[in-house]
PDB file of N, CA and C in Angstrom:
ATOM      1  N   MET A   1      99.523  94.886  78.620  1.00  0.00           N
ATOM      2  CA  MET A   1     101.020  95.292  78.800  1.00  0.00           C
ATOM      3  C   MET A   1     101.128  96.128  79.995  1.00  0.00           C
ATOM      4  N   PRO A   2     100.556  97.421  80.195  1.00  0.00           N
ATOM      5  CA  PRO A   2     100.656  99.263  81.179  1.00  0.00           C
ATOM      6  C   PRO A   2     100.465  98.097  82.804  1.00  0.00           C
ATOM      7  N   HIS A   3     100.996  98.488  83.037  1.00  0.00           N
ATOM      8  CA  HIS A   3     100.924  97.872  84.860  1.00  0.00           C
ATOM      9  C   HIS A   3     100.662  99.878  85.217  1.00  0.00           C
ATOM     10  N   LEU A   4      99.594  99.207  86.475  1.00  0.00           N
ATOM     11  CA  LEU A   4      99.037 100.673  87.012  1.00  0.00           C
ATOM     12  C   LEU A   4      98.831 100.066  88.493  1.00  0.00           C
ATOM     13  N   VAL A   5      99.719 100.636  89.651  1.00  0.00           N
ATOM     14  CA  VAL A   5     100.381 100.536  91.146  1.00  0.00           C
ATOM     15  C   VAL A   5      99.764 101.572  91.670  1.00  0.00           C
ATOM     16  N   MET A   6      98.995 100.893  92.304  1.00  0.00           N
ATOM     17  CA  MET A   6      98.325 101.895  93.589  1.00  0.00           C
ATOM     18  C   MET A   6      98.702 101.554  95.534  1.00  0.00           C
ATOM     19  N   GLU A   7     100.113 102.129  95.209  1.00  0.00           N
ATOM     20  CA  GLU A   7     100.048 102.154  97.189  1.00  0.00           C
ATOM     21  C   GLU A   7      99.473 103.169  97.555  1.00  0.00           C
ATOM     22  N   TYR A   8      99.102 102.664  98.915  1.00  0.00           N
ATOM     23  CA  TYR A   8      98.656 103.867  99.719  1.00  0.00           C
ATOM     24  C   TYR A   8      99.306 102.949 101.508  1.00  0.00           C
ATOM     25  N   SER A   9      98.671 104.071 102.221  1.00  0.00           N
ATOM     26  CA  SER A   9      99.618 103.587 103.603  1.00  0.00           C
ATOM     27  C   SER A   9      97.989 102.807 104.488  1.00  0.00           C
ATOM     28  N   ASN A  10      98.096 102.393 104.970  1.00  0.00           N
ATOM     29  CA  ASN A  10      97.088 101.733 105.777  1.00  0.00           C
ATOM     30  C   ASN A  10      96.391 102.262 106.403  1.00  0.00           C
ATOM     31  N   SER A  11      96.640 103.350 106.957  1.00  0.00           N
ATOM     32  CA  SER A  11      95.439 104.048 107.525  1.00  0.00           C
ATOM     33  C   SER A  11      93.927 104.635 106.498  1.00  0.00           C
ATOM     34  N   VAL A  12      94.866 104.343 105.600  1.00  0.00           N
ATOM     35  CA  VAL A  12      93.365 105.227 103.597  1.00  0.00           C
ATOM     36  C   VAL A  12      92.468 104.296 104.485  1.00  0.00           C
ATOM     37  N   GLU A  13      93.071 102.771 104.278  1.00  0.00           N
ATOM     38  CA  GLU A  13      91.428 101.929 104.438  1.00  0.00           C
ATOM     39  C   GLU A  13      90.596 102.083 105.015  1.00  0.00           C
ATOM     40  N   GLU A  14      90.571 102.928 106.158  1.00  0.00           N
ATOM     41  CA  GLU A  14      89.180 103.224 107.132  1.00  0.00           C
ATOM     42  C   GLU A  14      88.661 104.257 106.233  1.00  0.00           C
ATOM     43  N   ARG A  15      89.293 105.337 105.368  1.00  0.00           N
ATOM     44  CA  ARG A  15      87.872 106.181 104.839  1.00  0.00           C
ATOM     45  C   ARG A  15      88.135 106.699 103.360  1.00  0.00           C
ATOM     46  N   VAL A  16      89.142 104.947 102.255  1.00  0.00           N
ATOM     47  CA  VAL A  16      88.894 104.918 101.495  1.00  0.00           C
ATOM     48  C   VAL A  16      88.112 103.666 100.723  1.00  0.00           C
ATOM     49  N   ASN A  17      87.293 103.518  99.568  1.00  0.00           N
ATOM     50  CA  ASN A  17      87.145 102.164  99.286  1.00  0.00           C
ATOM     51  C   ASN A  17      88.223 102.104  98.174  1.00  0.00           C
ATOM     52  N   ILE A  18      88.976 101.445  98.515  1.00  0.00           N
ATOM     53  CA  ILE A  18      90.309 101.087  97.515  1.00  0.00           C
ATOM     54  C   ILE A  18      89.486  99.878  96.905  1.00  0.00           C
ATOM     55  N   GLN A  19      89.027  99.085  96.895  1.00  0.00           N
ATOM     56  CA  GLN A  19      88.538  98.661  95.467  1.00  0.00           C
ATOM     57  C   GLN A  19      87.750  99.238  94.408  1.00  0.00           C
ATOM     58  N   ARG A  20      87.386  99.997  95.072  1.00  0.00           N
ATOM     59  CA  ARG A  20      86.542 100.905  93.820  1.00  0.00           C
ATOM     60  C   ARG A  20      87.744 101.835  93.464  1.00  0.00           C
ATOM     61  N   LEU A  21      88.192 102.458  94.148  1.00  0.00           N
ATOM     62  CA  LEU A  21      89.363 102.530  93.504  1.00  0.00           C
ATOM     63  C   LEU A  21      90.164 102.831  92.603  1.00  0.00           C
ATOM     64  N   LEU A  22      90.537 101.751  92.586  1.00  0.00           N
ATOM     65  CA  LEU A  22      91.365 100.472  91.708  1.00  0.00           C
ATOM     66  C   LEU A  22      90.885 100.252  90.713  1.00  0.00           C
ATOM     67  N   GLU A  23      89.349 100.353  91.287  1.00  0.00           N
ATOM     68  CA  GLU A  23      88.262  99.750  89.417  1.00  0.00           C
ATOM     69  C   GLU A  23      88.263 101.149  88.840  1.00  0.00           C
ATOM     70  N   ASP A  24      88.532 102.251  89.435  1.00  0.00           N
ATOM     71  CA  ASP A  24      88.187 103.351  88.865  1.00  0.00           C
ATOM     72  C   ASP A  24      88.806 104.169  88.071  1.00  0.00           C
ATOM     73  N   LEU A  25      90.002 103.807  88.394  1.00  0.00           N
ATOM     74  CA  LEU A  25      91.734 104.480  88.403  1.00  0.00           C
ATOM     75  C   LEU A  25      91.570 103.528  86.828  1.00  0.00           C
ATOM     76  N   HIS A  26      91.651 101.633  86.657  1.00  0.00           N
ATOM     77  CA  HIS A  26      90.949 101.074  85.858  1.00  0.00           C
ATOM     78  C   HIS A  26      91.013 101.370  84.716  1.00  0.00           C
ATOM     79  N   HIS A  27      89.879 102.212  84.870  1.00  0.00           N
ATOM     80  CA  HIS A  27      88.971 102.308  83.857  1.00  0.00           C
ATOM     81  C   HIS A  27      88.491 103.406  83.127  1.00  0.00           C
ATOM     82  N   VAL A  28      89.335 104.315  83.733  1.00  0.00           N
ATOM     83  CA  VAL A  28      89.603 105.585  83.371  1.00  0.00           C
ATOM     84  C   VAL A  28      91.807 105.794  82.285  1.00  0.00           C
ATOM     85  N   ALA A  29      91.971 104.888  82.977  1.00  0.00           N
ATOM     86  CA  ALA A  29      93.170 104.338  82.052  1.00  0.00           C
ATOM     87  C   ALA A  29      92.687 104.074  80.723  1.00  0.00           C
ATOM     88  N   ILE A  30      91.442 103.048  80.894  1.00  0.00           N
ATOM     89  CA  ILE A  30      91.221 102.263  79.838  1.00  0.00           C
ATOM     90  C   ILE A  30      91.092 102.797  78.674  1.00  0.00           C
ATOM     91  N   GLN A  31      89.738 103.967  79.583  1.00  0.00           N
ATOM     92  CA  GLN A  31      88.762 104.989  78.225  1.00  0.00           C
ATOM     93  C   GLN A  31      90.366 106.003  77.875  1.00  0.00           C
ATOM     94  N   SER A  32      91.816 106.246  78.221  1.00  0.00           N
ATOM     95  CA  SER A  32      92.576 107.490  77.680  1.00  0.00           C
ATOM     96  C   SER A  32      92.476 106.285  76.426  1.00  0.00           C
ATOM     97  N   GLY A  33      92.682 105.411  75.677  1.00  0.00           N
ATOM     98  CA  GLY A  33      92.861 105.011  74.693  1.00  0.00           C
ATOM     99  C   GLY A  33      94.582 104.645  74.498  1.00  0.00           C
ATOM    100  N   LEU A  34      95.128 104.728  74.817  1.00  0.00           N
ATOM    101  CA  LEU A  34      96.892 104.923  74.785  1.00  0.00           C
ATOM    102  C   LEU A  34      97.001 103.350  74.643  1.00  0.00           C
ATOM    103  N   PHE A  35      95.960 102.151  74.733  1.00  0.00           N
ATOM    104  CA  PHE A  35      96.552 101.168  74.795  1.00  0.00           C
ATOM    105  C   PHE A  35      95.547 100.152  74.873  1.00  0.00           C
ATOM    106  N   ASP A  36      95.699  99.298  74.673  1.00  0.00           N
ATOM    107  CA  ASP A  36      94.608  97.515  73.939  1.00  0.00           C
ATOM    108  C   ASP A  36      94.427  97.310  76.124  1.00  0.00           C
ATOM    109  N   ALA A  37      92.872  97.283  76.254  1.00  0.00           N
ATOM    110  CA  ALA A  37      92.187  97.185  76.887  1.00  0.00           C
ATOM    111  C   ALA A  37      92.471  95.700  77.861  1.00  0.00           C
ATOM    112  N   PRO A  38      92.931  95.196  77.316  1.00  0.00           N
ATOM    113  CA  PRO A  38      92.475  92.974  77.973  1.00  0.00           C
ATOM    114  C   PRO A  38      94.188  93.674  77.928  1.00  0.00           C
ATOM    115  N   SER A  39      95.324  94.671  78.345  1.00  0.00           N
ATOM    116  CA  SER A  39      96.721  94.491  78.508  1.00  0.00           C
ATOM    117  C   SER A  39      96.782  94.945  79.250  1.00  0.00           C
ATOM    118  N   LEU A  40      95.878  95.761  79.856  1.00  0.00           N
ATOM    119  CA  LEU A  40      95.808  96.818  81.569  1.00  0.00           C
ATOM    120  C   LEU A  40      95.961  95.712  82.688  1.00  0.00           C
ATOM    121  N   LYS A  41      96.970  95.348  83.358  1.00  0.00           N
ATOM    122  CA  LYS A  41      97.258  95.509  84.248  1.00  0.00           C
ATOM    123  C   LYS A  41      97.075  96.496  85.743  1.00  0.00           C
ATOM    124  N   SER A  42      96.022  96.188  86.812  1.00  0.00           N
ATOM    125  CA  SER A  42      96.323  97.262  87.777  1.00  0.00           C
ATOM    126  C   SER A  42      96.406  96.696  89.369  1.00  0.00           C
ATOM    127  N   ARG A  43      96.789  96.523  90.367  1.00  0.00           N
ATOM    128  CA  ARG A  43      97.094  96.584  91.388  1.00  0.00           C
ATOM    129  C   ARG A  43      97.106  97.497  92.245  1.00  0.00           C
ATOM    130  N   ALA A  44      96.537  97.014  94.433  1.00  0.00           N
ATOM    131  CA  ALA A  44      96.834  98.029  94.877  1.00  0.00           C
ATOM    132  C   ALA A  44      97.909  96.987  96.303  1.00  0.00           C
ATOM    133  N   HIS A  45      98.811  97.911  96.638  1.00  0.00           N
ATOM    134  CA  HIS A  45      99.880  97.240  97.843  1.00  0.00           C
ATOM    135  C   HIS A  45      99.498  99.034  98.884  1.00  0.00           C
ATOM    136  N   ARG A  46      99.475  97.728 100.163  1.00  0.00           N
ATOM    137  CA  ARG A  46      98.809  98.431 101.350  1.00  0.00           C
ATOM    138  C   ARG A  46     100.531  98.126 101.976  1.00  0.00           C
ATOM    139  N   TYR A  47     100.800  99.055 102.581  1.00  0.00           N
ATOM    140  CA  TYR A  47     101.546  99.350 103.500  1.00  0.00           C
ATOM    141  C   TYR A  47     101.471  99.908 104.869  1.00  0.00           C
ATOM    142  N   HIS A  48     102.306  98.801 106.078  1.00  0.00           N
ATOM    143  CA  HIS A  48     102.422  99.370 107.504  1.00  0.00           C
ATOM    144  C   HIS A  48     103.085  99.667 108.066  1.00  0.00           C
ATOM    145  N   ASP A  49     104.192 100.467 106.677  1.00  0.00           N
ATOM    146  CA  ASP A  49     105.209 100.689 107.541  1.00  0.00           C
ATOM    147  C   ASP A  49     106.103 102.471 106.344  1.00  0.00           C
ATOM    148  N   TRP A  50     106.087 103.332 106.779  1.00  0.00           N
ATOM    149  CA  TRP A  50     106.006 104.012 105.842  1.00  0.00           C
ATOM    150  C   TRP A  50     106.669 106.252 106.869  1.00  0.00           C
ATOM    151  N   LEU A  51     107.533 106.637 105.893  1.00  0.00           N
ATOM    152  CA  LEU A  51     108.106 107.717 106.608  1.00  0.00           C
ATOM    153  C   LEU A  51     107.665 108.695 105.668  1.00  0.00           C
ATOM    154  N   ILE A  52     107.597 109.849 105.928  1.00  0.00           N
ATOM    155  CA  ILE A  52     107.126 111.381 104.904  1.00  0.00           C
ATOM    156  C   ILE A  52     107.423 112.273 105.676  1.00  0.00           C
ATOM    157  N   GLY A  53     109.152 112.651 105.218  1.00  0.00           N
ATOM    158  CA  GLY A  53     109.367 114.313 105.733  1.00  0.00           C
ATOM    159  C   GLY A  53     109.174 113.909 107.853  1.00  0.00           C
ATOM    160  N   GLU A  54     109.214 114.723 108.254  1.00  0.00           N
ATOM    161  CA  GLU A  54     109.421 115.280 109.684  1.00  0.00           C
ATOM    162  C   GLU A  54     108.259 114.432 109.388  1.00  0.00           C
ATOM    163  N   HIS A  55     107.195 114.169 109.622  1.00  0.00           N
ATOM    164  CA  HIS A  55     106.156 113.894 109.696  1.00  0.00           C
ATOM    165  C   HIS A  55     106.189 112.393 110.673  1.00  0.00           C
ATOM    166  N   ALA A  56     106.996 112.123 109.922  1.00  0.00           N
ATOM    167  CA  ALA A  56     106.884 110.211 110.001  1.00  0.00           C
ATOM    168  C   ALA A  56     105.739 109.308 109.280  1.00  0.00           C
ATOM    169  N   ASP A  57     104.707 108.909 109.832  1.00  0.00           N
ATOM    170  CA  ASP A  57     103.630 108.327 109.284  1.00  0.00           C
ATOM    171  C   ASP A  57     102.458 108.379 110.562  1.00  0.00           C
ATOM    172  N   SER A  58     102.603 110.051 110.719  1.00  0.00           N
ATOM    173  CA  SER A  58     101.380 110.548 111.398  1.00  0.00           C
ATOM    174  C   SER A  58     100.556 111.056 109.092  1.00  0.00           C
ATOM    175  N   VAL A  59     101.187 110.610 108.683  1.00  0.00           N
ATOM    176  CA  VAL A  59     100.258 111.365 107.353  1.00  0.00           C
ATOM    177  C   VAL A  59     100.927 110.363 106.410  1.00  0.00           C
ATOM    178  N   ASP A  60      99.102 110.220 105.878  1.00  0.00           N
ATOM    179  CA  ASP A  60      98.882 109.620 105.575  1.00  0.00           C
ATOM    180  C   ASP A  60      99.168 109.331 103.507  1.00  0.00           C
ATOM    181  N   PHE A  61      99.026 108.476 102.960  1.00  0.00           N
ATOM    182  CA  PHE A  61      99.865 108.370 101.319  1.00  0.00           C
ATOM    183  C   PHE A  61      98.734 107.887 100.302  1.00  0.00           C
ATOM    184  N   ILE A  62      98.332 108.541  99.010  1.00  0.00           N
ATOM    185  CA  ILE A  62      98.331 107.118  98.003  1.00  0.00           C
ATOM    186  C   ILE A  62      99.333 107.913  96.690  1.00  0.00           C
ATOM    187  N   HIS A  63      99.662 106.545  96.163  1.00  0.00           N
ATOM    188  CA  HIS A  63     101.071 107.405  95.317  1.00  0.00           C
ATOM    189  C   HIS A  63     100.464 105.808  94.142  1.00  0.00           C
ATOM    190  N   VAL A  64     100.451 106.088  93.133  1.00  0.00           N
ATOM    191  CA  VAL A  64      99.943 105.909  91.676  1.00  0.00           C
ATOM    192  C   VAL A  64     100.854 105.598  90.325  1.00  0.00           C
ATOM    193  N   THR A  65     101.780 104.747  90.310  1.00  0.00           N
ATOM    194  CA  THR A  65     102.721 104.306  89.194  1.00  0.00           C
ATOM    195  C   THR A  65     102.257 103.776  87.948  1.00  0.00           C
ATOM    196  N   PHE A  66     102.359 104.338  87.114  1.00  0.00           N
ATOM    197  CA  PHE A  66     101.721 103.980  85.566  1.00  0.00           C
ATOM    198  C   PHE A  66     103.189 103.747  84.911  1.00  0.00           C
ATOM    199  N   ASP A  67     103.707 102.495  84.477  1.00  0.00           N
ATOM    200  CA  ASP A  67     104.538 102.061  83.533  1.00  0.00           C
ATOM    201  C   ASP A  67     103.563 101.302  82.446  1.00  0.00           C
ATOM    202  N   LEU A  68     103.844 102.573  80.921  1.00  0.00           N
ATOM    203  CA  LEU A  68     103.437 101.632  80.363  1.00  0.00           C
ATOM    204  C   LEU A  68     105.028 101.704  79.080  1.00  0.00           C
ATOM    205  N   LEU A  69     104.452 101.525  77.609  1.00  0.00           N
ATOM    206  CA  LEU A  69     106.127 101.351  76.953  1.00  0.00           C
ATOM    207  C   LEU A  69     106.065 102.171  76.555  1.00  0.00           C
ATOM    208  N   ASP A  70     107.244 102.279  76.264  1.00  0.00           N
ATOM    209  CA  ASP A  70     107.422 104.201  75.663  1.00  0.00           C
ATOM    210  C   ASP A  70     106.386 104.474  74.060  1.00  0.00           C
ATOM    211  N   GLY A  71     106.960 105.524  73.871  1.00  0.00           N
ATOM    212  CA  GLY A  71     106.398 105.858  72.338  1.00  0.00           C
ATOM    213  C   GLY A  71     104.930 106.720  72.496  1.00  0.00           C
ATOM    214  N   ARG A  72     104.184 106.704  73.812  1.00  0.00           N
ATOM    215  CA  ARG A  72     103.938 108.443  74.033  1.00  0.00           C
ATOM    216  C   ARG A  72     104.192 109.465  73.978  1.00  0.00           C
ATOM    217  N   SER A  73     103.286 110.415  73.729  1.00  0.00           N
ATOM    218  CA  SER A  73     103.826 111.578  73.333  1.00  0.00           C
ATOM    219  C   SER A  73     103.899 112.182  75.065  1.00  0.00           C
ATOM    220  N   ALA A  74     104.635 113.257  75.726  1.00  0.00           N
ATOM    221  CA  ALA A  74     104.527 113.463  76.635  1.00  0.00           C
ATOM    222  C   ALA A  74     103.131 114.339  76.577  1.00  0.00           C
ATOM    223  N   GLU A  75     102.222 114.487  75.999  1.00  0.00           N
ATOM    224  CA  GLU A  75     101.093 115.383  76.107  1.00  0.00           C
ATOM    225  C   GLU A  75      99.890 114.595  76.614  1.00  0.00           C
ATOM    226  N   GLN A  76      99.969 113.213  76.333  1.00  0.00           N
ATOM    227  CA  GLN A  76      99.328 112.085  76.522  1.00  0.00           C
ATOM    228  C   GLN A  76      99.656 111.889  77.446  1.00  0.00           C
ATOM    229  N   LYS A  77     100.591 111.425  78.400  1.00  0.00           N
ATOM    230  CA  LYS A  77     100.948 110.562  79.247  1.00  0.00           C
ATOM    231  C   LYS A  77     100.636 112.132  80.064  1.00  0.00           C
ATOM    232  N   ARG A  78     100.790 113.292  80.463  1.00  0.00           N
ATOM    233  CA  ARG A  78     100.339 114.527  81.225  1.00  0.00           C
ATOM    234  C   ARG A  78      98.122 114.526  81.000  1.00  0.00           C
ATOM    235  N   GLU A  79      97.670 113.751  80.119  1.00  0.00           N
ATOM    236  CA  GLU A  79      96.635 113.581  80.046  1.00  0.00           C
ATOM    237  C   GLU A  79      95.999 112.610  80.486  1.00  0.00           C
ATOM    238  N   LEU A  80      96.591 111.229  80.477  1.00  0.00           N
ATOM    239  CA  LEU A  80      97.053 110.479  81.372  1.00  0.00           C
ATOM    240  C   LEU A  80      96.933 110.680  82.717  1.00  0.00           C
ATOM    241  N   SER A  81      97.792 111.354  83.689  1.00  0.00           N
ATOM    242  CA  SER A  81      97.973 111.813  84.752  1.00  0.00           C
ATOM    243  C   SER A  81      97.109 112.180  84.621  1.00  0.00           C
ATOM    244  N   ARG A  82      96.456 113.544  84.292  1.00  0.00           N
ATOM    245  CA  ARG A  82      95.467 114.261  85.119  1.00  0.00           C
ATOM    246  C   ARG A  82      94.211 114.120  85.022  1.00  0.00           C
ATOM    247  N   MET A  83      94.247 112.860  84.593  1.00  0.00           N
ATOM    248  CA  MET A  83      93.006 112.183  84.364  1.00  0.00           C
ATOM    249  C   MET A  83      93.112 111.329  85.548  1.00  0.00           C
ATOM    250  N   LEU A  84      94.181 109.843  85.712  1.00  0.00           N
ATOM    251  CA  LEU A  84      93.662 109.476  86.882  1.00  0.00           C
ATOM    252  C   LEU A  84      94.134 110.650  88.311  1.00  0.00           C
ATOM    253  N   MET A  85      94.358 111.776  88.592  1.00  0.00           N
ATOM    254  CA  MET A  85      94.293 112.681  89.290  1.00  0.00           C
ATOM    255  C   MET A  85      93.129 113.051  90.117  1.00  0.00           C
ATOM    256  N   LEU A  86      92.381 113.071  88.408  1.00  0.00           N
ATOM    257  CA  LEU A  86      90.964 114.186  88.447  1.00  0.00           C
ATOM    258  C   LEU A  86      90.038 112.626  89.839  1.00  0.00           C
ATOM    259  N   VAL A  87      90.262 111.871  89.333  1.00  0.00           N
ATOM    260  CA  VAL A  87      89.966 110.307  90.580  1.00  0.00           C
ATOM    261  C   VAL A  87      90.247 109.829  91.855  1.00  0.00           C
ATOM    262  N   LEU A  88      91.606 109.770  91.804  1.00  0.00           N
ATOM    263  CA  LEU A  88      92.228 110.323  92.883  1.00  0.00           C
ATOM    264  C   LEU A  88      91.906 111.340  93.783  1.00  0.00           C
ATOM    265  N   GLN A  89      91.398 112.705  93.691  1.00  0.00           N
ATOM    266  CA  GLN A  89      90.566 113.499  94.004  1.00  0.00           C
ATOM    267  C   GLN A  89      89.404 113.355  94.875  1.00  0.00           C
ATOM    268  N   GLU A  90      89.299 112.798  93.922  1.00  0.00           N
ATOM    269  CA  GLU A  90      87.424 112.554  94.245  1.00  0.00           C
ATOM    270  C   GLU A  90      87.051 111.878  95.156  1.00  0.00           C
ATOM    271  N   GLN A  91      87.971 110.723  95.359  1.00  0.00           N
ATOM    272  CA  GLN A  91      87.491 109.587  95.946  1.00  0.00           C
ATOM    273  C   GLN A  91      88.110 109.862  97.071  1.00  0.00           C
ATOM    274  N   ALA A  92      89.392 110.491  96.995  1.00  0.00           N
ATOM    275  CA  ALA A  92      90.336 110.088  98.080  1.00  0.00           C
ATOM    276  C   ALA A  92      91.102 111.873  98.744  1.00  0.00           C
ATOM    277  N   SER A  93      90.129 113.186  98.638  1.00  0.00           N
ATOM    278  CA  SER A  93      90.258 114.233  98.717  1.00  0.00           C
ATOM    279  C   SER A  93      91.354 114.568 100.023  1.00  0.00           C
ATOM    280  N   HIS A  94      90.693 114.172 101.401  1.00  0.00           N
ATOM    281  CA  HIS A  94      91.419 114.229 102.281  1.00  0.00           C
ATOM    282  C   HIS A  94      92.580 113.506 103.088  1.00  0.00           C
ATOM    283  N   VAL A  95      93.159 113.172 102.094  1.00  0.00           N
ATOM    284  CA  VAL A  95      94.262 111.993 102.111  1.00  0.00           C
ATOM    285  C   VAL A  95      95.158 112.921 101.928  1.00  0.00           C
ATOM    286  N   HIS A  96      96.186 113.131 102.401  1.00  0.00           N
ATOM    287  CA  HIS A  96      97.439 114.202 102.577  1.00  0.00           C
ATOM    288  C   HIS A  96      98.336 113.891 101.882  1.00  0.00           C
ATOM    289  N   SER A  97      98.203 113.216 101.411  1.00  0.00           N
ATOM    290  CA  SER A  97      98.946 112.857  99.945  1.00  0.00           C
ATOM    291  C   SER A  97      99.142 112.592  98.486  1.00  0.00           C
ATOM    292  N   LEU A  98      98.628 113.023  97.807  1.00  0.00           N
ATOM    293  CA  LEU A  98      98.054 111.684  96.234  1.00  0.00           C
ATOM    294  C   LEU A  98      99.089 112.319  95.446  1.00  0.00           C
ATOM    295  N   THR A  99      99.910 110.703  94.961  1.00  0.00           N
ATOM    296  CA  THR A  99     100.975 111.331  94.169  1.00  0.00           C
ATOM    297  C   THR A  99     100.805 110.747  92.388  1.00  0.00           C
ATOM    298  N   ILE A 100     101.404 110.840  91.288  1.00  0.00           N
ATOM    299  CA  ILE A 100     101.121 109.611  90.463  1.00  0.00           C
ATOM    300  C   ILE A 100     102.514 110.125  89.672  1.00  0.00           C
ATOM    301  N   ASP A 101     103.187 109.352  89.062  1.00  0.00           N
ATOM    302  CA  ASP A 101     104.065 108.725  87.821  1.00  0.00           C
ATOM    303  C   ASP A 101     103.504 107.654  87.280  1.00  0.00           C
ATOM    304  N   ILE A 102     104.091 108.504  85.940  1.00  0.00           N
ATOM    305  CA  ILE A 102     103.824 108.282  84.661  1.00  0.00           C
ATOM    306  C   ILE A 102     105.233 107.284  83.943  1.00  0.00           C
ATOM    307  N   ARG A 103     105.226 106.294  83.513  1.00  0.00           N
ATOM    308  CA  ARG A 103     106.943 105.957  83.610  1.00  0.00           C
ATOM    309  C   ARG A 103     107.201 105.488  82.069  1.00  0.00           C
ATOM    310  N   ASP A 104     107.726 105.592  81.358  1.00  0.00           N
ATOM    311  CA  ASP A 104     108.316 104.895  80.191  1.00  0.00           C
ATOM    312  C   ASP A 104     108.664 103.507  80.785  1.00  0.00           C
ATOM    313  N   MET A 105     108.335 102.388  80.012  1.00  0.00           N
ATOM    314  CA  MET A 105     109.426 101.085  79.811  1.00  0.00           C
ATOM    315  C   MET A 105     110.356 100.975  78.082  1.00  0.00           C
ATOM    316  N   ASP A 106     111.521 100.877  78.013  1.00  0.00           N
ATOM    317  CA  ASP A 106     111.878 100.015  76.719  1.00  0.00           C
ATOM    318  C   ASP A 106     111.363  99.463  76.602  1.00  0.00           C
ATOM    319  N   ARG A 107     111.073  99.626  75.011  1.00  0.00           N
ATOM    320  CA  ARG A 107     110.147  98.549  74.159  1.00  0.00           C
ATOM    321  C   ARG A 107     111.415  97.219  74.184  1.00  0.00           C
ATOM    322  N   GLU A 108     112.520  97.863  73.807  1.00  0.00           N
ATOM    323  CA  GLU A 108     114.011  96.679  73.939  1.00  0.00           C
ATOM    324  C   GLU A 108     114.438  95.709  74.709  1.00  0.00           C
ATOM    325  N   CYS A 109     113.810  95.818  75.559  1.00  0.00           N
ATOM    326  CA  CYS A 109     114.221  95.447  76.815  1.00  0.00           C
ATOM    327  C   CYS A 109     113.121  94.677  77.529  1.00  0.00           C
ATOM    328  N   PHE A 110     112.079  95.124  76.672  1.00  0.00           N
ATOM    329  CA  PHE A 110     110.839  94.150  77.829  1.00  0.00           C
ATOM    330  C   PHE A 110     110.407  93.432  77.360  1.00  0.00           C
ATOM    331  N   GLN A 111     110.589  91.898  78.311  1.00  0.00           N
ATOM    332  CA  GLN A 111     109.779  91.102  77.695  1.00  0.00           C
ATOM    333  C   GLN A 111     108.571  89.966  77.935  1.00  0.00           C
ATOM    334  N   LYS A 112     107.711  89.886  77.708  1.00  0.00           N
ATOM    335  CA  LYS A 112     106.199  89.655  78.028  1.00  0.00           C
ATOM    336  C   LYS A 112     105.979  87.625  77.579  1.00  0.00           C
ATOM    337  N   VAL A 113     106.200  86.816  78.632  1.00  0.00           N
ATOM    338  CA  VAL A 113     104.901  85.320  78.404  1.00  0.00           C
ATOM    339  C   VAL A 113     104.372  85.118  79.045  1.00  0.00           C
ATOM    340  N   VAL A 114     103.060  84.602  77.662  1.00  0.00           N
ATOM    341  CA  VAL A 114     101.948  85.001  78.036  1.00  0.00           C
ATOM    342  C   VAL A 114     101.261  83.052  78.016  1.00  0.00           C
ATOM    343  N   ASN A 115     101.195  82.503  79.053  1.00  0.00           N
ATOM    344  CA  ASN A 115     100.712  81.230  78.938  1.00  0.00           C
ATOM    345  C   ASN A 115      99.394  80.570  78.595  1.00  0.00           C
TER     346      ASN A 115
END
């Protein structure tokens, strides 16, 4: 069920191996042990248009959103965020803005159909 979504400015592609970064983030998330490995879904979205503060689109970014069902402690989520950031910093330290947001999804409202 967890979803790892990596968003990035198109200028990042020139200096970062996006597929490798996505695979490494995916692997680190699995290694966290916070969920069943087969349930993790990871994907990347490239943006051609963005604005950051007064710099407009002259600075680049990578932002990771990680949605998972509620029930993990704050410490578990902090550790997951820390592990993901280590990968980002290792492979993309030259990117202007690196951010991660771990979000809880409400179990009562989440629905899933697998065919």
